Amino acid sequence: MYQLLSQEVESQENEKMCNVYAPKFVSVEALRKGDFNLIYAHPETLLNNKTIANLLRSKVYRDNVCAIVIDEVHMISEWGDHFRTAYSRLSEIICLFPLPRTVHLALTATSTKDAIKKLACSLQLTNPCVVFSNPDRPNIFIEVHVQIKKTDLLRCKCNVRR
């Protein structure tokens, strides 16, 4: 997952859209200043690292964070209980930055309506606006090409003639 985040960070930096943080790219001091418009981070970084957790509680962050976005929110139920328990604690981040000052956005393309209700409860989202869309993407498909070796083709032709 870190590699995916790193690619996203590089893409953002190349487009010069905004300043970006990923755990291995900047010092804690740079974060402390609050000069970043966008922060990408793993739940473990935000919740298990005491320095980062304290930064999130600082006045700089409480006054300037305008949105909390959780992508692939279904991972809370898939990973949060046993594998990566920080996922089950993401509501702590949301509680640090309450509405209406901070927007909360949770994204998933693979959860059922029932799962979304449970996720909203887990994140302590009250009266969430849920948008459903057809996940079908006609431009994305799997295509299988069978490749036959010449020796197999010759053997096959020989068997047919007999």
Foldseek 3Di string as FASTA:
>chain_A
DLVVVVVVQVVCVVVVPWHEDEPPPDDLVVVLVLRGPYYDYDLCCCPVPVSNVVSCLDPSNQVPAAEDEAEQLLVCVVQCPPNPVSSLVQLVSDVSHDPDRHYYHYYDQDDDPVSVVVSCVSNVPPPDDDDDDDPDDVVDDDDDDDDDDPVVVVVVVVVVVD
